[in-house]
N, C-alpha and C. Protein backbone atom coordinates (compact mmCIF):
# COMPACT_ATOMS: atom_id res chain seq x y z
N MET A 1 -4.21 -15.19 6.78
CA MET A 1 -3.54 -14.30 7.71
C MET A 1 -3.98 -12.87 7.41
N GLY A 2 -4.41 -12.13 8.42
CA GLY A 2 -4.87 -10.76 8.25
C GLY A 2 -3.73 -9.78 8.09
N VAL A 3 -4.08 -8.55 7.76
CA VAL A 3 -3.09 -7.50 7.55
C VAL A 3 -2.28 -7.26 8.83
N ALA A 4 -2.97 -7.19 9.96
CA ALA A 4 -2.27 -6.94 11.23
C ALA A 4 -1.35 -8.10 11.57
N ASP A 5 -1.81 -9.33 11.29
CA ASP A 5 -0.97 -10.50 11.56
C ASP A 5 0.28 -10.49 10.69
N THR A 6 0.10 -10.13 9.41
CA THR A 6 1.24 -10.07 8.49
C THR A 6 2.23 -9.01 8.97
N GLU A 7 1.71 -7.85 9.35
CA GLU A 7 2.57 -6.76 9.84
C GLU A 7 3.37 -7.23 11.05
N THR A 8 2.68 -7.83 12.00
CA THR A 8 3.32 -8.28 13.24
C THR A 8 4.39 -9.33 12.96
N ARG A 9 4.05 -10.30 12.12
CA ARG A 9 4.99 -11.39 11.81
C ARG A 9 6.23 -10.85 11.09
N LEU A 10 6.01 -10.05 10.03
CA LEU A 10 7.14 -9.52 9.27
C LEU A 10 8.04 -8.66 10.16
N ARG A 11 7.42 -7.81 10.97
CA ARG A 11 8.19 -6.93 11.85
C ARG A 11 9.04 -7.74 12.82
N ALA A 12 8.43 -8.77 13.43
CA ALA A 12 9.17 -9.61 14.39
C ALA A 12 10.34 -10.31 13.72
N LEU A 13 10.11 -10.82 12.51
CA LEU A 13 11.19 -11.53 11.79
C LEU A 13 12.32 -10.58 11.41
N LEU A 14 11.96 -9.37 10.96
CA LEU A 14 13.01 -8.41 10.61
C LEU A 14 13.82 -8.04 11.85
N LEU A 15 13.16 -7.78 12.95
CA LEU A 15 13.88 -7.41 14.17
C LEU A 15 14.78 -8.55 14.64
N GLN A 16 14.34 -9.80 14.46
CA GLN A 16 15.20 -10.94 14.77
C GLN A 16 16.44 -10.93 13.88
N GLY A 17 16.20 -10.67 12.60
CA GLY A 17 17.32 -10.62 11.65
C GLY A 17 18.30 -9.52 11.97
N ILE A 18 17.78 -8.34 12.31
CA ILE A 18 18.65 -7.22 12.66
C ILE A 18 19.47 -7.56 13.90
N ALA A 19 18.86 -8.35 14.80
CA ALA A 19 19.55 -8.75 16.04
C ALA A 19 20.56 -9.87 15.80
N GLY A 20 20.64 -10.38 14.57
CA GLY A 20 21.65 -11.38 14.24
C GLY A 20 21.13 -12.79 14.02
N ASP A 21 19.83 -12.99 14.06
CA ASP A 21 19.24 -14.32 13.84
C ASP A 21 19.12 -14.57 12.34
N ALA A 22 20.04 -15.35 11.78
CA ALA A 22 20.07 -15.61 10.34
C ALA A 22 18.82 -16.34 9.88
N ASN A 23 18.34 -17.31 10.67
CA ASN A 23 17.12 -18.04 10.29
C ASN A 23 15.91 -17.11 10.28
N GLY A 24 15.81 -16.24 11.26
CA GLY A 24 14.72 -15.28 11.32
C GLY A 24 14.75 -14.34 10.12
N TYR A 25 15.95 -13.90 9.74
CA TYR A 25 16.08 -13.00 8.60
C TYR A 25 15.73 -13.72 7.30
N HIS A 26 16.15 -14.98 7.18
CA HIS A 26 15.80 -15.77 6.00
C HIS A 26 14.28 -15.91 5.89
N GLU A 27 13.61 -16.19 7.01
CA GLU A 27 12.15 -16.30 7.02
C GLU A 27 11.51 -14.96 6.67
N PHE A 28 12.10 -13.87 7.16
CA PHE A 28 11.60 -12.53 6.85
C PHE A 28 11.64 -12.30 5.34
N LEU A 29 12.78 -12.58 4.71
CA LEU A 29 12.91 -12.36 3.27
C LEU A 29 11.95 -13.23 2.48
N LYS A 30 11.77 -14.46 2.91
CA LYS A 30 10.84 -15.37 2.23
C LYS A 30 9.40 -14.86 2.35
N ALA A 31 8.99 -14.48 3.55
CA ALA A 31 7.63 -13.98 3.76
C ALA A 31 7.43 -12.64 3.06
N LEU A 32 8.45 -11.78 3.13
CA LEU A 32 8.34 -10.48 2.48
C LEU A 32 8.25 -10.63 0.96
N SER A 33 8.95 -11.60 0.40
CA SER A 33 8.87 -11.85 -1.04
C SER A 33 7.44 -12.12 -1.47
N ALA A 34 6.76 -12.99 -0.74
CA ALA A 34 5.36 -13.32 -1.07
C ALA A 34 4.48 -12.08 -0.92
N HIS A 35 4.69 -11.33 0.14
CA HIS A 35 3.90 -10.12 0.38
C HIS A 35 4.13 -9.10 -0.74
N LEU A 36 5.39 -8.87 -1.10
CA LEU A 36 5.73 -7.92 -2.16
C LEU A 36 5.18 -8.35 -3.51
N ARG A 37 5.26 -9.64 -3.78
CA ARG A 37 4.76 -10.16 -5.05
C ARG A 37 3.28 -9.80 -5.22
N ALA A 38 2.49 -10.02 -4.17
CA ALA A 38 1.06 -9.68 -4.22
C ALA A 38 0.87 -8.17 -4.34
N PHE A 39 1.61 -7.40 -3.55
CA PHE A 39 1.51 -5.94 -3.57
C PHE A 39 1.84 -5.40 -4.97
N LEU A 40 2.92 -5.88 -5.57
CA LEU A 40 3.36 -5.37 -6.87
C LEU A 40 2.49 -5.86 -8.02
N ARG A 41 2.01 -7.08 -7.94
CA ARG A 41 1.09 -7.57 -8.99
C ARG A 41 -0.13 -6.68 -9.10
N GLY A 42 -0.62 -6.23 -7.97
CA GLY A 42 -1.79 -5.37 -7.96
C GLY A 42 -1.53 -3.99 -8.52
N ARG A 43 -0.29 -3.57 -8.55
CA ARG A 43 0.05 -2.24 -9.03
C ARG A 43 0.70 -2.23 -10.40
N LEU A 44 1.24 -3.34 -10.81
CA LEU A 44 1.92 -3.41 -12.11
C LEU A 44 1.13 -4.27 -13.09
N THR A 45 -0.18 -4.08 -13.12
CA THR A 45 -1.02 -4.92 -13.99
C THR A 45 -0.64 -4.77 -15.46
N GLY A 46 -0.16 -3.61 -15.84
CA GLY A 46 0.26 -3.41 -17.23
C GLY A 46 1.66 -3.92 -17.52
N PHE A 47 2.37 -4.36 -16.49
CA PHE A 47 3.75 -4.82 -16.65
C PHE A 47 3.97 -6.12 -15.88
N PRO A 48 3.23 -7.18 -16.22
CA PRO A 48 3.36 -8.42 -15.43
C PRO A 48 4.75 -9.02 -15.47
N ASP A 49 5.49 -8.78 -16.54
CA ASP A 49 6.85 -9.33 -16.65
C ASP A 49 7.83 -8.62 -15.73
N GLU A 50 7.47 -7.46 -15.22
CA GLU A 50 8.36 -6.67 -14.37
C GLU A 50 8.22 -7.02 -12.88
N VAL A 51 7.16 -7.76 -12.51
CA VAL A 51 6.88 -8.00 -11.10
C VAL A 51 8.05 -8.65 -10.38
N GLU A 52 8.59 -9.73 -10.92
CA GLU A 52 9.69 -10.44 -10.26
C GLU A 52 10.92 -9.55 -10.12
N ASP A 53 11.22 -8.77 -11.16
CA ASP A 53 12.37 -7.86 -11.08
C ASP A 53 12.15 -6.83 -9.97
N MET A 54 10.92 -6.32 -9.88
CA MET A 54 10.61 -5.32 -8.84
C MET A 54 10.67 -5.95 -7.44
N VAL A 55 10.24 -7.21 -7.32
CA VAL A 55 10.34 -7.90 -6.03
C VAL A 55 11.80 -7.98 -5.62
N GLN A 56 12.66 -8.40 -6.54
CA GLN A 56 14.08 -8.55 -6.23
C GLN A 56 14.74 -7.20 -5.92
N GLU A 57 14.42 -6.18 -6.71
CA GLU A 57 15.00 -4.86 -6.47
C GLU A 57 14.56 -4.31 -5.11
N THR A 58 13.30 -4.52 -4.78
CA THR A 58 12.78 -4.04 -3.49
C THR A 58 13.42 -4.79 -2.34
N LEU A 59 13.54 -6.11 -2.47
CA LEU A 59 14.19 -6.90 -1.42
C LEU A 59 15.64 -6.44 -1.20
N LEU A 60 16.33 -6.18 -2.27
CA LEU A 60 17.71 -5.71 -2.16
C LEU A 60 17.76 -4.35 -1.46
N ALA A 61 16.85 -3.46 -1.84
CA ALA A 61 16.82 -2.14 -1.20
C ALA A 61 16.46 -2.26 0.28
N VAL A 62 15.50 -3.13 0.62
CA VAL A 62 15.14 -3.35 2.03
C VAL A 62 16.35 -3.86 2.79
N HIS A 63 17.04 -4.83 2.18
CA HIS A 63 18.23 -5.39 2.83
C HIS A 63 19.29 -4.30 3.07
N ASN A 64 19.54 -3.50 2.04
CA ASN A 64 20.57 -2.46 2.15
C ASN A 64 20.18 -1.34 3.11
N GLN A 65 18.88 -1.11 3.29
CA GLN A 65 18.42 -0.01 4.13
C GLN A 65 17.81 -0.47 5.45
N ARG A 66 17.94 -1.73 5.78
CA ARG A 66 17.30 -2.26 7.00
C ARG A 66 17.74 -1.53 8.26
N HIS A 67 18.94 -0.98 8.24
CA HIS A 67 19.42 -0.24 9.41
C HIS A 67 18.66 1.07 9.61
N THR A 68 17.93 1.54 8.59
CA THR A 68 17.18 2.80 8.71
C THR A 68 15.75 2.57 9.20
N TYR A 69 15.33 1.32 9.31
CA TYR A 69 13.96 1.04 9.74
C TYR A 69 13.76 1.45 11.19
N ASP A 70 12.71 2.22 11.44
CA ASP A 70 12.35 2.66 12.78
C ASP A 70 11.31 1.68 13.32
N ALA A 71 11.69 0.89 14.32
CA ALA A 71 10.83 -0.16 14.86
C ALA A 71 9.53 0.38 15.44
N ALA A 72 9.44 1.67 15.68
CA ALA A 72 8.21 2.26 16.20
C ALA A 72 7.19 2.52 15.09
N GLN A 73 7.61 2.38 13.84
CA GLN A 73 6.74 2.64 12.70
C GLN A 73 6.30 1.33 12.03
N PRO A 74 5.17 1.36 11.32
CA PRO A 74 4.72 0.14 10.63
C PRO A 74 5.74 -0.30 9.57
N LEU A 75 6.08 -1.56 9.59
CA LEU A 75 7.06 -2.09 8.64
C LEU A 75 6.53 -2.07 7.22
N THR A 76 5.29 -2.52 7.03
CA THR A 76 4.77 -2.61 5.66
C THR A 76 4.69 -1.25 4.99
N ALA A 77 4.40 -0.19 5.73
CA ALA A 77 4.38 1.15 5.15
C ALA A 77 5.78 1.52 4.65
N TRP A 78 6.79 1.19 5.43
CA TRP A 78 8.18 1.45 5.05
C TRP A 78 8.55 0.66 3.79
N VAL A 79 8.19 -0.62 3.78
CA VAL A 79 8.50 -1.48 2.63
C VAL A 79 7.73 -1.02 1.39
N HIS A 80 6.46 -0.68 1.57
CA HIS A 80 5.66 -0.23 0.42
C HIS A 80 6.22 1.06 -0.16
N ALA A 81 6.73 1.94 0.68
CA ALA A 81 7.33 3.18 0.17
C ALA A 81 8.55 2.85 -0.68
N ILE A 82 9.37 1.93 -0.23
CA ILE A 82 10.54 1.51 -1.01
C ILE A 82 10.09 0.91 -2.33
N ALA A 83 9.07 0.05 -2.29
CA ALA A 83 8.57 -0.59 -3.51
C ALA A 83 8.02 0.45 -4.49
N ARG A 84 7.33 1.46 -3.97
CA ARG A 84 6.80 2.51 -4.86
C ARG A 84 7.93 3.28 -5.53
N TYR A 85 8.99 3.59 -4.80
CA TYR A 85 10.13 4.26 -5.41
C TYR A 85 10.74 3.40 -6.52
N LYS A 86 10.82 2.11 -6.28
CA LYS A 86 11.37 1.21 -7.29
C LYS A 86 10.47 1.16 -8.52
N MET A 87 9.15 1.18 -8.31
CA MET A 87 8.22 1.18 -9.44
C MET A 87 8.36 2.46 -10.26
N VAL A 88 8.47 3.59 -9.58
CA VAL A 88 8.63 4.86 -10.28
C VAL A 88 9.92 4.84 -11.10
N ASP A 89 11.00 4.34 -10.51
CA ASP A 89 12.27 4.23 -11.24
C ASP A 89 12.10 3.37 -12.49
N MET A 90 11.41 2.23 -12.33
CA MET A 90 11.21 1.33 -13.47
C MET A 90 10.39 2.03 -14.56
N LEU A 91 9.34 2.73 -14.18
CA LEU A 91 8.50 3.41 -15.17
C LEU A 91 9.28 4.52 -15.86
N ARG A 92 10.13 5.20 -15.14
CA ARG A 92 10.97 6.24 -15.75
C ARG A 92 11.94 5.62 -16.76
N ARG A 93 12.55 4.50 -16.37
CA ARG A 93 13.48 3.82 -17.29
C ARG A 93 12.76 3.38 -18.56
N ARG A 94 11.56 2.84 -18.39
CA ARG A 94 10.79 2.34 -19.55
C ARG A 94 10.38 3.48 -20.46
N ALA A 95 9.99 4.61 -19.87
CA ALA A 95 9.51 5.74 -20.67
C ALA A 95 10.66 6.47 -21.34
N GLY A 96 11.82 6.43 -20.71
CA GLY A 96 12.97 7.16 -21.25
C GLY A 96 12.88 8.63 -20.87
N ARG A 97 13.97 9.27 -20.89
CA ARG A 97 14.02 10.68 -20.48
C ARG A 97 13.19 11.56 -21.42
N ASP A 98 13.23 11.28 -22.72
CA ASP A 98 12.53 12.13 -23.68
C ASP A 98 11.03 12.11 -23.46
N ALA A 99 10.49 10.96 -23.11
CA ALA A 99 9.04 10.85 -22.92
C ALA A 99 8.56 11.75 -21.79
N LEU A 100 9.41 12.01 -20.82
CA LEU A 100 9.01 12.85 -19.70
C LEU A 100 8.92 14.33 -20.08
N HIS A 101 9.50 14.69 -21.25
CA HIS A 101 9.52 16.09 -21.65
C HIS A 101 8.68 16.36 -22.89
N GLU A 102 7.93 15.37 -23.38
CA GLU A 102 7.07 15.58 -24.54
C GLU A 102 5.88 16.44 -24.14
N PRO A 103 5.50 17.38 -25.00
CA PRO A 103 4.34 18.21 -24.67
C PRO A 103 3.06 17.37 -24.68
N LEU A 104 2.11 17.77 -23.86
CA LEU A 104 0.83 17.06 -23.83
C LEU A 104 0.05 17.38 -25.08
N ASN A 105 -0.73 16.42 -25.54
CA ASN A 105 -1.58 16.58 -26.69
C ASN A 105 -2.67 17.60 -26.35
N GLU A 106 -3.07 18.41 -27.30
CA GLU A 106 -4.09 19.43 -27.06
C GLU A 106 -5.50 18.84 -26.98
N ASP A 107 -5.67 17.58 -27.33
CA ASP A 107 -6.98 16.95 -27.30
C ASP A 107 -7.42 16.74 -25.85
N THR A 108 -8.37 17.55 -25.37
CA THR A 108 -8.78 17.48 -23.97
C THR A 108 -9.92 16.50 -23.74
N ALA A 109 -10.45 15.89 -24.77
CA ALA A 109 -11.57 14.95 -24.59
C ALA A 109 -11.15 13.78 -23.71
N VAL A 110 -9.91 13.35 -23.84
CA VAL A 110 -9.41 12.24 -23.03
C VAL A 110 -9.45 12.62 -21.56
N PHE A 111 -9.02 13.85 -21.25
CA PHE A 111 -9.01 14.28 -19.86
C PHE A 111 -10.42 14.51 -19.33
N ALA A 112 -11.31 15.01 -20.16
CA ALA A 112 -12.68 15.24 -19.71
C ALA A 112 -13.33 13.93 -19.30
N GLY A 113 -13.12 12.88 -20.11
CA GLY A 113 -13.70 11.57 -19.78
C GLY A 113 -13.16 11.03 -18.48
N SER A 114 -11.86 11.18 -18.27
CA SER A 114 -11.28 10.64 -17.05
C SER A 114 -11.71 11.45 -15.83
N GLU A 115 -11.94 12.77 -16.01
CA GLU A 115 -12.42 13.58 -14.89
C GLU A 115 -13.83 13.18 -14.49
N ILE A 116 -14.66 12.87 -15.47
CA ILE A 116 -16.03 12.44 -15.19
C ILE A 116 -16.00 11.11 -14.46
N GLU A 117 -15.18 10.17 -14.96
CA GLU A 117 -15.06 8.86 -14.32
C GLU A 117 -14.52 9.00 -12.90
N ALA A 118 -13.54 9.87 -12.69
CA ALA A 118 -12.98 10.08 -11.36
C ALA A 118 -14.04 10.65 -10.42
N GLY A 119 -14.85 11.58 -10.92
CA GLY A 119 -15.93 12.13 -10.10
C GLY A 119 -16.94 11.07 -9.72
N ASP A 120 -17.28 10.21 -10.70
CA ASP A 120 -18.21 9.11 -10.41
C ASP A 120 -17.63 8.17 -9.36
N ALA A 121 -16.35 7.86 -9.48
CA ALA A 121 -15.70 6.96 -8.52
C ALA A 121 -15.69 7.57 -7.13
N ARG A 122 -15.43 8.89 -7.04
CA ARG A 122 -15.44 9.56 -5.74
C ARG A 122 -16.82 9.48 -5.10
N ARG A 123 -17.87 9.70 -5.92
CA ARG A 123 -19.24 9.61 -5.39
C ARG A 123 -19.55 8.19 -4.95
N ASP A 124 -19.11 7.18 -5.72
CA ASP A 124 -19.34 5.79 -5.34
C ASP A 124 -18.65 5.46 -4.02
N ILE A 125 -17.42 5.88 -3.88
CA ILE A 125 -16.66 5.62 -2.65
C ILE A 125 -17.31 6.33 -1.47
N ALA A 126 -17.70 7.59 -1.69
CA ALA A 126 -18.34 8.34 -0.61
C ALA A 126 -19.64 7.65 -0.19
N GLY A 127 -20.41 7.16 -1.15
CA GLY A 127 -21.65 6.47 -0.83
C GLY A 127 -21.41 5.20 -0.04
N LEU A 128 -20.41 4.43 -0.45
CA LEU A 128 -20.09 3.19 0.27
C LEU A 128 -19.57 3.49 1.67
N LEU A 129 -18.68 4.47 1.77
CA LEU A 129 -18.14 4.82 3.09
C LEU A 129 -19.24 5.34 4.01
N GLY A 130 -20.23 6.01 3.44
CA GLY A 130 -21.34 6.53 4.23
C GLY A 130 -22.17 5.45 4.89
N GLN A 131 -22.04 4.21 4.42
CA GLN A 131 -22.79 3.09 5.00
C GLN A 131 -22.05 2.44 6.17
N LEU A 132 -20.85 2.91 6.44
CA LEU A 132 -20.04 2.32 7.52
C LEU A 132 -20.24 3.09 8.82
N PRO A 133 -20.03 2.43 9.95
CA PRO A 133 -20.01 3.16 11.22
C PRO A 133 -18.89 4.21 11.20
N GLU A 134 -19.07 5.26 11.98
CA GLU A 134 -18.14 6.39 11.94
C GLU A 134 -16.68 5.99 12.16
N ALA A 135 -16.40 5.14 13.13
CA ALA A 135 -15.01 4.76 13.42
C ALA A 135 -14.38 4.07 12.22
N GLN A 136 -15.13 3.20 11.56
CA GLN A 136 -14.60 2.51 10.39
C GLN A 136 -14.42 3.48 9.23
N ARG A 137 -15.43 4.34 9.00
CA ARG A 137 -15.36 5.30 7.90
C ARG A 137 -14.16 6.24 8.06
N LEU A 138 -13.99 6.79 9.26
CA LEU A 138 -12.88 7.72 9.48
C LEU A 138 -11.53 7.03 9.41
N SER A 139 -11.44 5.84 9.98
CA SER A 139 -10.16 5.11 9.96
C SER A 139 -9.74 4.80 8.53
N ILE A 140 -10.68 4.35 7.70
CA ILE A 140 -10.37 4.04 6.30
C ILE A 140 -10.03 5.33 5.55
N THR A 141 -10.80 6.37 5.77
CA THR A 141 -10.53 7.64 5.08
C THR A 141 -9.14 8.15 5.39
N TYR A 142 -8.80 8.21 6.68
CA TYR A 142 -7.50 8.74 7.06
C TYR A 142 -6.35 7.85 6.59
N MET A 143 -6.46 6.54 6.82
CA MET A 143 -5.33 5.65 6.51
C MET A 143 -5.24 5.29 5.04
N LYS A 144 -6.34 4.84 4.46
CA LYS A 144 -6.29 4.29 3.11
C LYS A 144 -6.45 5.33 2.02
N LEU A 145 -7.23 6.37 2.28
CA LEU A 145 -7.44 7.38 1.25
C LEU A 145 -6.47 8.55 1.37
N GLU A 146 -6.16 8.94 2.62
CA GLU A 146 -5.26 10.07 2.82
C GLU A 146 -3.82 9.64 3.10
N GLY A 147 -3.60 8.34 3.34
CA GLY A 147 -2.25 7.83 3.55
C GLY A 147 -1.64 8.16 4.90
N ARG A 148 -2.47 8.43 5.89
CA ARG A 148 -1.95 8.74 7.22
C ARG A 148 -1.53 7.47 7.94
N SER A 149 -0.72 7.61 8.95
CA SER A 149 -0.24 6.47 9.73
C SER A 149 -1.31 6.06 10.74
N VAL A 150 -1.11 4.90 11.34
CA VAL A 150 -2.00 4.42 12.40
C VAL A 150 -1.97 5.40 13.57
N ILE A 151 -0.79 5.88 13.90
CA ILE A 151 -0.63 6.81 15.03
C ILE A 151 -1.40 8.10 14.78
N GLU A 152 -1.26 8.67 13.58
CA GLU A 152 -1.98 9.90 13.24
C GLU A 152 -3.49 9.67 13.27
N THR A 153 -3.91 8.54 12.70
CA THR A 153 -5.34 8.23 12.65
C THR A 153 -5.90 8.06 14.06
N ALA A 154 -5.15 7.40 14.92
CA ALA A 154 -5.58 7.23 16.31
C ALA A 154 -5.75 8.59 16.98
N ARG A 155 -4.80 9.47 16.75
CA ARG A 155 -4.87 10.81 17.35
C ARG A 155 -6.08 11.58 16.83
N LEU A 156 -6.34 11.49 15.52
CA LEU A 156 -7.45 12.24 14.92
C LEU A 156 -8.82 11.70 15.32
N THR A 157 -8.91 10.39 15.50
CA THR A 157 -10.21 9.77 15.79
C THR A 157 -10.47 9.59 17.28
N GLY A 158 -9.41 9.66 18.09
CA GLY A 158 -9.57 9.41 19.51
C GLY A 158 -9.62 7.93 19.86
N LEU A 159 -9.34 7.08 18.88
CA LEU A 159 -9.31 5.63 19.11
C LEU A 159 -7.89 5.20 19.48
N SER A 160 -7.77 4.01 20.06
CA SER A 160 -6.44 3.46 20.30
C SER A 160 -5.89 2.97 18.96
N GLU A 161 -4.59 2.77 18.89
CA GLU A 161 -3.98 2.30 17.64
C GLU A 161 -4.55 0.94 17.25
N SER A 162 -4.73 0.05 18.20
CA SER A 162 -5.28 -1.27 17.86
C SER A 162 -6.73 -1.14 17.40
N SER A 163 -7.50 -0.22 17.98
CA SER A 163 -8.89 -0.01 17.54
C SER A 163 -8.93 0.53 16.11
N VAL A 164 -7.97 1.37 15.77
CA VAL A 164 -7.89 1.89 14.40
C VAL A 164 -7.65 0.74 13.43
N LYS A 165 -6.71 -0.14 13.75
CA LYS A 165 -6.40 -1.28 12.88
C LYS A 165 -7.62 -2.18 12.73
N VAL A 166 -8.32 -2.44 13.82
CA VAL A 166 -9.52 -3.28 13.78
C VAL A 166 -10.61 -2.59 12.95
N SER A 167 -10.77 -1.29 13.14
CA SER A 167 -11.78 -0.54 12.38
C SER A 167 -11.51 -0.59 10.89
N VAL A 168 -10.26 -0.42 10.51
CA VAL A 168 -9.90 -0.49 9.09
C VAL A 168 -10.19 -1.88 8.55
N HIS A 169 -9.77 -2.89 9.27
CA HIS A 169 -9.96 -4.27 8.82
C HIS A 169 -11.45 -4.59 8.66
N ARG A 170 -12.23 -4.29 9.69
CA ARG A 170 -13.67 -4.58 9.63
C ARG A 170 -14.37 -3.72 8.57
N GLY A 171 -13.96 -2.47 8.46
CA GLY A 171 -14.55 -1.59 7.45
C GLY A 171 -14.29 -2.06 6.04
N LEU A 172 -13.05 -2.51 5.78
CA LEU A 172 -12.72 -3.02 4.44
C LEU A 172 -13.51 -4.29 4.13
N LYS A 173 -13.68 -5.14 5.14
CA LYS A 173 -14.49 -6.35 4.95
C LYS A 173 -15.93 -5.98 4.61
N LYS A 174 -16.46 -4.99 5.32
CA LYS A 174 -17.85 -4.56 5.06
C LYS A 174 -17.96 -3.93 3.68
N LEU A 175 -16.98 -3.12 3.28
CA LEU A 175 -16.98 -2.53 1.94
C LEU A 175 -16.96 -3.62 0.87
N GLU A 176 -16.13 -4.62 1.10
CA GLU A 176 -16.06 -5.73 0.16
C GLU A 176 -17.42 -6.40 0.02
N ALA A 177 -18.09 -6.62 1.14
CA ALA A 177 -19.43 -7.25 1.11
C ALA A 177 -20.43 -6.35 0.39
N LEU A 178 -20.36 -5.05 0.63
CA LEU A 178 -21.26 -4.12 -0.03
C LEU A 178 -21.05 -4.11 -1.55
N ILE A 179 -19.80 -4.14 -1.95
CA ILE A 179 -19.48 -4.13 -3.39
C ILE A 179 -19.96 -5.43 -4.04
N ARG A 180 -19.73 -6.55 -3.37
CA ARG A 180 -20.18 -7.85 -3.91
C ARG A 180 -21.70 -7.89 -4.04
N SER A 181 -22.40 -7.35 -3.06
CA SER A 181 -23.88 -7.39 -3.10
C SER A 181 -24.42 -6.48 -4.19
N ALA A 182 -23.66 -5.45 -4.56
CA ALA A 182 -24.09 -4.53 -5.62
C ALA A 182 -23.81 -5.09 -7.02
N SER A 183 -22.91 -6.09 -7.10
CA SER A 183 -22.53 -6.63 -8.42
C SER A 183 -23.56 -7.61 -8.93
């Protein structure tokens, strides 16, 4: 199932649930659990034991805040924002309040290495994106790198919203193929 299909299915199930369909809402929670599990595993690689707790906390927050969901907006973006807030809360709890106020070490070699690696990664991404058709390159840049919505990206590129989604999907597939061929 593609990203657009997942978005459409989850959104339809949530709206059924909000309208009072208990079976639809149950299916929504089940499907969202699987989606969140994959989303969080990819972001909590250093905390694999926390994934299930984060899934449950996010599901609870989605349930409690479902009345705030704007049906005109992408559902997964709304859910991912909630999940990110839950991850930040978890990381703050794990670090403790004192860790947030410890002075940084004066050893800048660590930062210099990461700045060089970040620069290399930016050049690699720019090179890969440069191999894509303009619509795909711009759609991915605006949505995936800058975090803009489908609506904003459509306005900036002059494409329809569905064309933006297709461009992102096809562009990511092409990037994946390019990365595999380089390995």
